C-alpha atoms as a PDB file:
ATOM      1  CA  MET A   1      65.898 189.380  83.627  1.00  0.00           C
ATOM      2  CA  VAL A   2      69.037 187.942  83.142  1.00  0.00           C
ATOM      3  CA  ALA A   3      70.337 187.996  78.838  1.00  0.00           C
ATOM      4  CA  GLU A   4      73.416 188.734  77.253  1.00  0.00           C
ATOM      5  CA  GLY A   5      72.474 189.077  73.449  1.00  0.00           C
ATOM      6  CA  CYS A   6      73.362 192.538  73.468  1.00  0.00           C
ATOM      7  CA  GLY A   7      74.853 194.020  69.900  1.00  0.00           C
ATOM      8  CA  VAL A   8      77.496 196.799  69.545  1.00  0.00           C
ATOM      9  CA  TYR A   9      78.611 198.781  66.207  1.00  0.00           C
ATOM     10  CA  GLY A  10      81.475 200.695  65.719  1.00  0.00           C
ATOM     11  CA  ALA A  11      82.593 202.388  62.442  1.00  0.00           C
ATOM     12  CA  PHE A  12      85.602 205.125  61.333  1.00  0.00           C
ATOM     13  CA  ASP A  13      85.120 206.762  57.787  1.00  0.00           C
ATOM     14  CA  ARG A  14      88.575 207.719  56.978  1.00  0.00           C
ATOM     15  CA  SER A  15      87.346 210.699  54.433  1.00  0.00           C
ATOM     16  CA  GLY A  16      85.870 212.417  57.085  1.00  0.00           C
ATOM     17  CA  GLN A  17      82.304 212.404  56.545  1.00  0.00           C
ATOM     18  CA  ASP A  18      80.037 211.793  59.674  1.00  0.00           C
ATOM     19  CA  ILE A  19      79.031 208.112  60.651  1.00  0.00           C
ATOM     20  CA  PHE A  20      76.019 208.368  61.801  1.00  0.00           C
ATOM     21  CA  PRO A  21      74.071 206.489  58.927  1.00  0.00           C
ATOM     22  CA  TYR A  22      76.167 203.832  59.209  1.00  0.00           C
ATOM     23  CA  LEU A  23      75.973 203.451  63.092  1.00  0.00           C
ATOM     24  CA  TYR A  24      71.714 203.595  62.428  1.00  0.00           C
ATOM     25  CA  TRP A  25      71.883 201.266  60.008  1.00  0.00           C
ATOM     26  CA  GLY A  26      74.010 199.096  61.255  1.00  0.00           C
ATOM     27  CA  LEU A  27      72.307 198.802  65.025  1.00  0.00           C
ATOM     28  CA  LEU A  28      69.179 198.587  62.971  1.00  0.00           C
ATOM     29  CA  ALA A  29      70.235 195.529  61.518  1.00  0.00           C
ATOM     30  CA  GLN A  30      70.705 194.195  64.764  1.00  0.00           C
ATOM     31  CA  ASN A  31      67.745 195.264  66.963  1.00  0.00           C
ATOM     32  CA  HIS A  32      66.421 191.857  67.772  1.00  0.00           C
ATOM     33  CA  ARG A  33      69.631 191.992  70.115  1.00  0.00           C
ATOM     34  CA  GLY A  34      68.387 194.258  71.983  1.00  0.00           C
ATOM     35  CA  HIS A  35      64.947 195.829  72.485  1.00  0.00           C
ATOM     36  CA  GLN A  36      65.620 197.387  76.011  1.00  0.00           C
ATOM     37  CA  SER A  37      67.713 200.540  74.950  1.00  0.00           C
ATOM     38  CA  HIS A  38      69.344 201.984  72.293  1.00  0.00           C
ATOM     39  CA  GLY A  39      72.565 204.491  72.451  1.00  0.00           C
ATOM     40  CA  PHE A  40      74.730 206.262  69.806  1.00  0.00           C
ATOM     41  CA  LEU A  41      78.062 207.738  70.735  1.00  0.00           C
ATOM     42  CA  THR A  42      80.490 209.451  68.146  1.00  0.00           C
ATOM     43  CA  TYR A  43      83.362 211.911  68.134  1.00  0.00           C
ATOM     44  CA  LYS A  44      84.083 215.414  66.901  1.00  0.00           C
ATOM     45  CA  GLY A  45      85.996 217.268  69.261  1.00  0.00           C
ATOM     46  CA  GLY A  46      84.210 215.570  72.157  1.00  0.00           C
ATOM     47  CA  PHE A  47      81.949 212.975  72.522  1.00  0.00           C
ATOM     48  CA  HIS A  48      78.397 213.779  71.327  1.00  0.00           C
ATOM     49  CA  SER A  49      75.933 210.554  72.601  1.00  0.00           C
ATOM     50  CA  HIS A  50      71.999 209.542  72.363  1.00  0.00           C
ATOM     51  CA  ARG A  51      70.811 207.076  74.519  1.00  0.00           C
ATOM     52  CA  ALA A  52      67.518 206.025  75.008  1.00  0.00           C
ATOM     53  CA  LEU A  53      64.792 202.762  76.106  1.00  0.00           C
ATOM     54  CA  GLY A  54      63.294 200.857  73.577  1.00  0.00           C
ATOM     55  CA  LEU A  55      64.149 199.658  70.114  1.00  0.00           C
ATOM     56  CA  ILE A  56      65.725 202.081  67.570  1.00  0.00           C
ATOM     57  CA  PRO A  57      63.204 203.872  66.167  1.00  0.00           C
ATOM     58  CA  PRO A  58      62.552 204.055  62.326  1.00  0.00           C
ATOM     59  CA  ILE A  59      64.477 207.237  60.797  1.00  0.00           C
ATOM     60  CA  ASP A  60      63.683 208.713  57.391  1.00  0.00           C
ATOM     61  CA  GLU A  61      65.981 211.008  54.905  1.00  0.00           C
ATOM     62  CA  ARG A  62      65.180 213.855  56.996  1.00  0.00           C
ATOM     63  CA  GLY A  63      65.439 212.473  60.278  1.00  0.00           C
ATOM     64  CA  ILE A  64      68.907 211.468  59.517  1.00  0.00           C
ATOM     65  CA  ARG A  65      69.752 214.651  58.707  1.00  0.00           C
ATOM     66  CA  PHE A  66      68.510 215.809  62.076  1.00  0.00           C
ATOM     67  CA  TRP A  67      70.594 213.477  63.682  1.00  0.00           C
ATOM     68  CA  LEU A  68      73.907 214.571  62.112  1.00  0.00           C
ATOM     69  CA  THR A  69      73.287 218.142  63.545  1.00  0.00           C
ATOM     70  CA  LEU A  70      73.152 216.158  66.841  1.00  0.00           C
ATOM     71  CA  LEU A  71      75.936 213.053  66.442  1.00  0.00           C
ATOM     72  CA  PRO A  72      78.415 214.488  64.280  1.00  0.00           C
ATOM     73  CA  GLY A  73      81.791 213.066  63.671  1.00  0.00           C
ATOM     74  CA  PRO A  74      83.566 210.666  61.398  1.00  0.00           C
ATOM     75  CA  VAL A  75      83.914 207.602  63.752  1.00  0.00           C
ATOM     76  CA  GLY A  76      81.102 206.587  66.651  1.00  0.00           C
ATOM     77  CA  ILE A  77      80.043 203.226  68.278  1.00  0.00           C
ATOM     78  CA  GLY A  78      76.554 202.078  68.921  1.00  0.00           C
ATOM     79  CA  ASN A  79      74.717 199.709  71.035  1.00  0.00           C
ATOM     80  CA  VAL A  80      71.411 198.037  71.527  1.00  0.00           C
ATOM     81  CA  ARG A  81      71.099 196.185  74.715  1.00  0.00           C
ATOM     82  CA  TYR A  82      69.277 193.600  77.143  1.00  0.00           C
ATOM     83  CA  SER A  83      70.459 194.160  80.573  1.00  0.00           C
ATOM     84  CA  THR A  84      72.804 191.425  81.878  1.00  0.00           C
ATOM     85  CA  SER A  85      73.794 192.175  85.247  1.00  0.00           C
ATOM     86  CA  VAL A  86      71.618 195.145  87.142  1.00  0.00           C
ATOM     87  CA  ALA A  87      67.469 195.510  88.436  1.00  0.00           C
ATOM     88  CA  SER A  88      65.378 195.985  85.295  1.00  0.00           C
ATOM     89  CA  ASP A  89      63.597 198.721  87.033  1.00  0.00           C
ATOM     90  CA  THR A  90      63.231 202.148  84.484  1.00  0.00           C
ATOM     91  CA  PRO A  91      65.820 204.132  86.436  1.00  0.00           C
ATOM     92  CA  SER A  92      68.216 200.947  86.196  1.00  0.00           C
ATOM     93  CA  LEU A  93      67.933 200.460  82.562  1.00  0.00           C
ATOM     94  CA  ILE A  94      68.290 204.485  81.730  1.00  0.00           C
ATOM     95  CA  ARG A  95      71.168 204.939  84.297  1.00  0.00           C
ATOM     96  CA  ASN A  96      72.622 201.241  82.177  1.00  0.00           C
ATOM     97  CA  THR A  97      71.599 202.602  78.668  1.00  0.00           C
ATOM     98  CA  GLN A  98      75.166 202.377  76.410  1.00  0.00           C
ATOM     99  CA  PRO A  99      77.358 203.198  75.040  1.00  0.00           C
ATOM    100  CA  LEU A 100      78.241 204.599  78.571  1.00  0.00           C
ATOM    101  CA  THR A 101      81.487 206.790  79.249  1.00  0.00           C
ATOM    102  CA  GLU A 102      83.647 206.280  82.027  1.00  0.00           C
ATOM    103  CA  GLU A 103      86.956 209.004  83.380  1.00  0.00           C
ATOM    104  CA  LEU A 104      89.796 208.267  85.226  1.00  0.00           C
ATOM    105  CA  GLU A 105      92.411 210.727  86.282  1.00  0.00           C
ATOM    106  CA  GLY A 106      91.253 213.066  83.044  1.00  0.00           C
ATOM    107  CA  THR A 107      91.464 210.496  80.680  1.00  0.00           C
ATOM    108  CA  SER A 108      88.171 208.941  78.956  1.00  0.00           C
ATOM    109  CA  LEU A 109      86.655 205.903  77.825  1.00  0.00           C
ATOM    110  CA  SER A 110      83.360 205.149  76.210  1.00  0.00           C
ATOM    111  CA  ILE A 111      82.218 201.393  75.210  1.00  0.00           C
ATOM    112  CA  SER A 112      79.465 199.374  73.790  1.00  0.00           C
ATOM    113  CA  PHE A 113      79.737 195.748  75.379  1.00  0.00           C
ATOM    114  CA  ASN A 114      78.021 192.646  74.851  1.00  0.00           C
ATOM    115  CA  GLY A 115      78.492 189.934  77.363  1.00  0.00           C
ATOM    116  CA  ASN A 116      78.818 188.961  81.071  1.00  0.00           C
ATOM    117  CA  VAL A 117      81.649 189.256  83.292  1.00  0.00           C
ATOM    118  CA  VAL A 118      81.876 186.445  85.778  1.00  0.00           C
ATOM    119  CA  ASN A 119      84.234 187.740  88.760  1.00  0.00           C
ATOM    120  CA  VAL A 120      81.573 190.755  89.614  1.00  0.00           C
ATOM    121  CA  LEU A 121      82.267 190.521  93.171  1.00  0.00           C
ATOM    122  CA  GLU A 122      86.016 190.741  92.960  1.00  0.00           C
ATOM    123  CA  LEU A 123      85.720 193.591  90.653  1.00  0.00           C
ATOM    124  CA  ARG A 124      83.361 195.472  92.792  1.00  0.00           C
ATOM    125  CA  ARG A 125      85.830 195.562  95.801  1.00  0.00           C
ATOM    126  CA  GLU A 126      88.431 196.359  93.454  1.00  0.00           C
ATOM    127  CA  PHE A 127      86.913 199.440  92.354  1.00  0.00           C
ATOM    128  CA  ARG A 128      84.969 200.285  95.727  1.00  0.00           C
ATOM    129  CA  ARG A 129      86.546 203.854  96.158  1.00  0.00           C
ATOM    130  CA  GLU A 130      85.849 205.065  93.053  1.00  0.00           C
ATOM    131  CA  LEU A 131      82.665 203.990  92.628  1.00  0.00           C
ATOM    132  CA  GLU A 132      81.068 204.626  95.994  1.00  0.00           C
ATOM    133  CA  GLY A 133      77.860 205.977  96.046  1.00  0.00           C
ATOM    134  CA  ARG A 134      76.819 204.522  92.665  1.00  0.00           C
ATOM    135  CA  GLU A 135      73.318 202.233  92.182  1.00  0.00           C
ATOM    136  CA  ARG A 136      73.151 199.563  90.465  1.00  0.00           C
ATOM    137  CA  PHE A 137      75.510 199.952  87.982  1.00  0.00           C
ATOM    138  CA  SER A 138      75.745 197.284  84.851  1.00  0.00           C
ATOM    139  CA  ASP A 139      79.526 194.696  84.639  1.00  0.00           C
ATOM    140  CA  ALA A 140      79.980 197.246  81.360  1.00  0.00           C
ATOM    141  CA  VAL A 141      80.860 200.134  83.870  1.00  0.00           C
ATOM    142  CA  LEU A 142      83.474 197.342  86.010  1.00  0.00           C
ATOM    143  CA  LEU A 143      84.819 196.084  82.687  1.00  0.00           C
ATOM    144  CA  CYS A 144      85.372 200.195  81.220  1.00  0.00           C
ATOM    145  CA  ARG A 145      87.175 201.122  84.823  1.00  0.00           C
ATOM    146  CA  LYS A 146      89.866 197.994  84.245  1.00  0.00           C
ATOM    147  CA  MET A 147      90.388 199.101  80.650  1.00  0.00           C
ATOM    148  CA  LEU A 148      90.840 202.772  82.221  1.00  0.00           C
ATOM    149  CA  LYS A 149      93.257 201.377  85.113  1.00  0.00           C
ATOM    150  CA  GLY A 150      94.781 199.248  82.228  1.00  0.00           C
ATOM    151  CA  LEU A 151      95.554 202.193  80.298  1.00  0.00           C
ATOM    152  CA  ARG A 152      96.734 204.354  83.401  1.00  0.00           C
ATOM    153  CA  GLU A 153      99.376 201.937  83.777  1.00  0.00           C
ATOM    154  CA  GLY A 154     100.606 200.789  80.666  1.00  0.00           C
ATOM    155  CA  GLY A 155      99.924 203.536  78.356  1.00  0.00           C
ATOM    156  CA  ASP A 156      98.595 202.532  75.152  1.00  0.00           C
ATOM    157  CA  LEU A 157      95.642 200.658  74.077  1.00  0.00           C
ATOM    158  CA  ALA A 158      96.996 197.123  73.999  1.00  0.00           C
ATOM    159  CA  SER A 159      98.380 197.291  77.206  1.00  0.00           C
ATOM    160  CA  ALA A 160      94.843 198.210  78.361  1.00  0.00           C
ATOM    161  CA  ALA A 161      93.384 195.424  76.548  1.00  0.00           C
ATOM    162  CA  LYS A 162      95.335 193.019  77.948  1.00  0.00           C
ATOM    163  CA  TYR A 163      95.118 194.006  81.461  1.00  0.00           C
ATOM    164  CA  CYS A 164      91.496 193.854  80.844  1.00  0.00           C
ATOM    165  CA  MET A 165      91.456 190.341  79.656  1.00  0.00           C
ATOM    166  CA  GLU A 166      93.506 188.961  82.414  1.00  0.00           C
ATOM    167  CA  GLY A 167      91.712 190.576  84.974  1.00  0.00           C
ATOM    168  CA  VAL A 168      88.380 190.124  83.733  1.00  0.00           C
ATOM    169  CA  GLU A 169      86.666 186.928  83.263  1.00  0.00           C
ATOM    170  CA  GLY A 170      83.857 185.850  81.417  1.00  0.00           C
ATOM    171  CA  ALA A 171      82.291 186.400  78.002  1.00  0.00           C
ATOM    172  CA  PHE A 172      82.765 190.168  76.118  1.00  0.00           C
ATOM    173  CA  SER A 173      83.113 191.848  72.964  1.00  0.00           C
ATOM    174  CA  VAL A 174      83.630 195.285  72.966  1.00  0.00           C
ATOM    175  CA  ALA A 175      84.281 198.043  70.708  1.00  0.00           C
ATOM    176  CA  GLY A 176      85.072 201.436  72.378  1.00  0.00           C
ATOM    177  CA  LEU A 177      86.434 205.038  71.584  1.00  0.00           C
ATOM    178  CA  THR A 178      89.539 206.808  73.068  1.00  0.00           C
ATOM    179  CA  GLY A 179      89.286 210.017  74.510  1.00  0.00           C
ATOM    180  CA  ASP A 180      90.926 211.549  70.887  1.00  0.00           C
ATOM    181  CA  GLY A 181      88.483 209.904  68.858  1.00  0.00           C
ATOM    182  CA  ALA A 182      90.173 206.220  68.285  1.00  0.00           C
ATOM    183  CA  LEU A 183      88.239 203.097  67.581  1.00  0.00           C
ATOM    184  CA  PHE A 184      88.761 199.726  69.235  1.00  0.00           C
ATOM    185  CA  ALA A 185      87.500 196.661  69.550  1.00  0.00           C
ATOM    186  CA  PHE A 186      88.253 193.406  71.205  1.00  0.00           C
ATOM    187  CA  ARG A 187      87.505 190.136  71.933  1.00  0.00           C
ATOM    188  CA  ASP A 188      87.679 187.942  74.647  1.00  0.00           C
ATOM    189  CA  PRO A 189      90.465 185.111  74.914  1.00  0.00           C
ATOM    190  CA  HIS A 190      88.171 182.000  74.047  1.00  0.00           C
ATOM    191  CA  GLY A 191      85.847 183.831  71.723  1.00  0.00           C
ATOM    192  CA  ILE A 192      82.734 183.069  73.352  1.00  0.00           C
ATOM    193  CA  LYS A 193      80.835 186.066  72.012  1.00  0.00           C
ATOM    194  CA  PRO A 194      80.526 187.116  68.192  1.00  0.00           C
ATOM    195  CA  LEU A 195      82.790 190.272  66.498  1.00  0.00           C
ATOM    196  CA  CYS A 196      83.640 190.931  63.302  1.00  0.00           C
ATOM    197  CA  LEU A 197      85.380 193.370  60.927  1.00  0.00           C
ATOM    198  CA  GLY A 198      84.642 194.799  57.834  1.00  0.00           C
ATOM    199  CA  ARG A 199      86.200 196.910  55.092  1.00  0.00           C
ATOM    200  CA  ASP A 200      84.834 199.094  51.927  1.00  0.00           C
ATOM    201  CA  ASP A 201      86.747 201.923  50.199  1.00  0.00           C
ATOM    202  CA  ASN A 202      86.329 204.631  52.860  1.00  0.00           C
ATOM    203  CA  VAL A 203      84.865 202.887  56.059  1.00  0.00           C
ATOM    204  CA  THR A 204      85.898 200.134  58.435  1.00  0.00           C
ATOM    205  CA  ALA A 205      83.211 198.970  60.600  1.00  0.00           C
ATOM    206  CA  ILE A 206      82.876 196.720  63.607  1.00  0.00           C
ATOM    207  CA  SER A 207      79.692 194.637  64.286  1.00  0.00           C
ATOM    208  CA  SER A 208      78.256 191.892  66.796  1.00  0.00           C
ATOM    209  CA  GLU A 209      76.718 190.440  63.797  1.00  0.00           C
ATOM    210  CA  SER A 210      77.900 190.332  59.676  1.00  0.00           C
ATOM    211  CA  VAL A 211      74.253 191.994  58.942  1.00  0.00           C
ATOM    212  CA  GLY A 212      75.251 194.660  60.525  1.00  0.00           C
ATOM    213  CA  LEU A 213      78.089 195.233  57.535  1.00  0.00           C
ATOM    214  CA  ASN A 214      76.025 193.951  55.249  1.00  0.00           C
ATOM    215  CA  ILE A 215      73.025 196.509  55.615  1.00  0.00           C
ATOM    216  CA  ASN A 216      75.548 199.381  54.978  1.00  0.00           C
ATOM    217  CA  GLY A 217      77.135 197.679  51.894  1.00  0.00           C
ATOM    218  CA  ILE A 218      80.467 196.481  53.482  1.00  0.00           C
ATOM    219  CA  ASP A 219      81.720 192.765  53.479  1.00  0.00           C
ATOM    220  CA  LEU A 220      82.716 190.966  55.992  1.00  0.00           C
ATOM    221  CA  GLY A 221      86.290 191.035  56.102  1.00  0.00           C
ATOM    222  CA  SER A 222      86.759 188.378  59.031  1.00  0.00           C
ATOM    223  CA  GLU A 223      86.174 187.540  62.624  1.00  0.00           C
ATOM    224  CA  VAL A 224      88.342 189.035  65.354  1.00  0.00           C
ATOM    225  CA  ARG A 225      89.965 186.763  66.704  1.00  0.00           C
ATOM    226  CA  PRO A 226      89.736 185.417  70.543  1.00  0.00           C
ATOM    227  CA  GLY A 227      91.859 187.689  72.406  1.00  0.00           C
ATOM    228  CA  GLU A 228      92.891 189.665  69.680  1.00  0.00           C
ATOM    229  CA  LEU A 229      92.733 194.002  69.786  1.00  0.00           C
ATOM    230  CA  VAL A 230      91.634 195.942  66.859  1.00  0.00           C
ATOM    231  CA  VAL A 231      92.382 199.560  66.055  1.00  0.00           C
ATOM    232  CA  VAL A 232      91.175 202.163  63.776  1.00  0.00           C
ATOM    233  CA  THR A 233      92.527 205.448  63.710  1.00  0.00           C
ATOM    234  CA  GLU A 234      93.262 208.467  60.221  1.00  0.00           C
ATOM    235  CA  ASP A 235      96.805 205.969  59.534  1.00  0.00           C
ATOM    236  CA  GLY A 236      94.836 202.774  59.043  1.00  0.00           C
ATOM    237  CA  VAL A 237      93.853 199.474  60.829  1.00  0.00           C
ATOM    238  CA  GLU A 238      95.645 197.772  63.485  1.00  0.00           C
ATOM    239  CA  ARG A 239      95.815 194.270  64.921  1.00  0.00           C
ATOM    240  CA  GLU A 240      97.249 192.788  67.505  1.00  0.00           C
ATOM    241  CA  GLN A 241      97.128 189.267  69.580  1.00  0.00           C
ATOM    242  CA  VAL A 242      97.114 191.146  73.167  1.00  0.00           C
ATOM    243  CA  ALA A 243      96.326 188.023  74.936  1.00  0.00           C
ATOM    244  CA  PRO A 244      96.859 184.055  74.251  1.00  0.00           C
ATOM    245  CA  CYS A 245      93.960 182.419  72.221  1.00  0.00           C
ATOM    246  CA  GLY A 246      92.492 179.947  74.945  1.00  0.00           C
ATOM    247  CA  ARG A 247      90.417 176.869  74.831  1.00  0.00           C
ATOM    248  CA  LYS A 248      87.970 177.990  72.008  1.00  0.00           C
ATOM    249  CA  ALA A 249      84.697 178.233  73.244  1.00  0.00           C
ATOM    250  CA  PHE A 250      81.391 179.896  71.289  1.00  0.00           C
ATOM    251  CA  CYS A 251      78.359 180.684  72.797  1.00  0.00           C
ATOM    252  CA  ALA A 252      75.677 178.259  71.856  1.00  0.00           C
ATOM    253  CA  PHE A 253      72.615 180.325  72.526  1.00  0.00           C
ATOM    254  CA  GLU A 254      73.928 182.445  69.092  1.00  0.00           C
ATOM    255  CA  PHE A 255      73.136 179.649  66.896  1.00  0.00           C
ATOM    256  CA  ALA A 256      70.361 178.714  68.367  1.00  0.00           C
ATOM    257  CA  TYR A 257      68.722 181.772  69.260  1.00  0.00           C
ATOM    258  CA  PHE A 258      70.542 185.196  69.396  1.00  0.00           C
ATOM    259  CA  ALA A 259      72.228 185.301  66.187  1.00  0.00           C
ATOM    260  CA  ARG A 260      69.546 186.485  62.787  1.00  0.00           C
ATOM    261  CA  PRO A 261      69.780 183.337  60.190  1.00  0.00           C
ATOM    262  CA  ASP A 262      71.727 184.984  57.412  1.00  0.00           C
ATOM    263  CA  SER A 263      75.123 186.099  60.076  1.00  0.00           C
ATOM    264  CA  ILE A 264      78.103 184.298  59.810  1.00  0.00           C
ATOM    265  CA  PHE A 265      79.451 183.355  63.584  1.00  0.00           C
ATOM    266  CA  ASN A 266      82.242 180.678  63.123  1.00  0.00           C
ATOM    267  CA  SER A 267      82.715 180.757  59.689  1.00  0.00           C
ATOM    268  CA  LYS A 268      79.247 179.446  59.399  1.00  0.00           C
ATOM    269  CA  TYR A 269      76.096 181.066  58.514  1.00  0.00           C
ATOM    270  CA  VAL A 270      73.718 180.667  60.984  1.00  0.00           C
ATOM    271  CA  TYR A 271      70.691 179.545  59.142  1.00  0.00           C
ATOM    272  CA  LEU A 272      72.869 176.408  58.050  1.00  0.00           C
ATOM    273  CA  ALA A 273      74.103 175.432  61.631  1.00  0.00           C
ATOM    274  CA  ARG A 274      70.294 175.386  62.816  1.00  0.00           C
ATOM    275  CA  ASN A 275      69.727 173.536  59.920  1.00  0.00           C
ATOM    276  CA  ASP A 276      72.308 171.122  60.708  1.00  0.00           C
ATOM    277  CA  PHE A 277      70.707 170.585  64.136  1.00  0.00           C
ATOM    278  CA  GLY A 278      67.312 169.612  62.873  1.00  0.00           C
ATOM    279  CA  ALA A 279      69.232 166.871  60.691  1.00  0.00           C
ATOM    280  CA  ASN A 280      71.074 165.459  63.796  1.00  0.00           C
ATOM    281  CA  LEU A 281      67.921 165.839  65.883  1.00  0.00           C
ATOM    282  CA  GLY A 282      66.421 163.687  63.281  1.00  0.00           C
ATOM    283  CA  ARG A 283      69.194 161.104  63.385  1.00  0.00           C
ATOM    284  CA  ARG A 284      69.488 160.637  66.778  1.00  0.00           C
ATOM    285  CA  ASP A 285      65.655 160.105  67.393  1.00  0.00           C
ATOM    286  CA  SER A 286      65.169 158.113  63.872  1.00  0.00           C
ATOM    287  CA  ASP A 287      63.391 155.168  65.277  1.00  0.00           C
ATOM    288  CA  ILE A 288      60.456 157.347  66.520  1.00  0.00           C
ATOM    289  CA  ALA A 289      60.475 159.729  63.370  1.00  0.00           C
ATOM    290  CA  GLY A 290      57.680 157.450  62.125  1.00  0.00           C
ATOM    291  CA  ARG A 291      54.986 157.900  64.425  1.00  0.00           C
ATOM    292  CA  LEU A 292      54.996 161.838  64.794  1.00  0.00           C
ATOM    293  CA  ASP A 293      52.190 163.413  63.123  1.00  0.00           C
ATOM    294  CA  VAL A 294      53.066 166.802  63.917  1.00  0.00           C
ATOM    295  CA  ILE A 295      56.406 169.128  65.311  1.00  0.00           C
ATOM    296  CA  LEU A 296      56.656 172.374  66.413  1.00  0.00           C
ATOM    297  CA  SER A 297      59.348 174.733  66.639  1.00  0.00           C
ATOM    298  CA  LEU A 298      59.755 176.764  69.664  1.00  0.00           C
ATOM    299  CA  PRO A 299      61.119 179.758  69.641  1.00  0.00           C
ATOM    300  CA  GLU A 300      60.836 180.810  65.971  1.00  0.00           C
ATOM    301  CA  THR A 301      64.701 180.173  65.414  1.00  0.00           C
ATOM    302  CA  ALA A 302      64.003 176.602  65.783  1.00  0.00           C
ATOM    303  CA  ASP A 303      61.480 176.649  62.395  1.00  0.00           C
ATOM    304  CA  ASP A 304      65.208 176.497  59.791  1.00  0.00           C
ATOM    305  CA  ALA A 305      65.611 173.371  62.328  1.00  0.00           C
END
């Protein structure tokens, strides 16, 4: 199975409150983007994680309190996943659930990834020694290794993200945590996969879709620009254009299939884009419109058209 409809989420609470409820609801609103597995990772003196196969389960208020004991901390990331580059057997799916954590020379990095890496064979050769003995790892592992290598050579997140964008070809939106609890996110230079940012009084959140912000009472601030890095710490939010914005592109399947109709992508509600698709199709085939008895929509996301 090949797909690239994963959902990523990240959030930081400046007041110091545990962030898990934001992660849970933000990903639950995006459960349609990944049915194979889900995962959460928070930071409080170190990484705390939970990953499992299947959809995010329903959790009541009592359950939330239980999970707060397992996933403490004011900052975290999460992921719902469809596999993109590895086998769909159960051991492979378990091994490649996200967020994933990699380490290089004492530096740890955890990421939640949505997209598809094109130059996988080149990156596998580059990291052959480091990944020797590991079976069926995803392209997200390669991107994370590239980021770690950039951190080692450049020393900061901006240099690492730039190094990653220059060396990884494909479509990707990433939310991540450093080993000391800094939240970061970036988007490929063409802006193919969605990623947006929002803030309320205390919480800054990053989400694949704007519905992940809305469910937490956070208004959409802006979309992360192609080639932009966002870093969120106790000192605030820093945004830096670390790679030139290339020819702007976007994944047509976001509008046609992946995204929820009430999400905003490329400054437009997905529902309105789908409605326009239907109107354009009607204009194109106006010569046969009068002869049609039944119009069927397939898949269900085509209903809006």
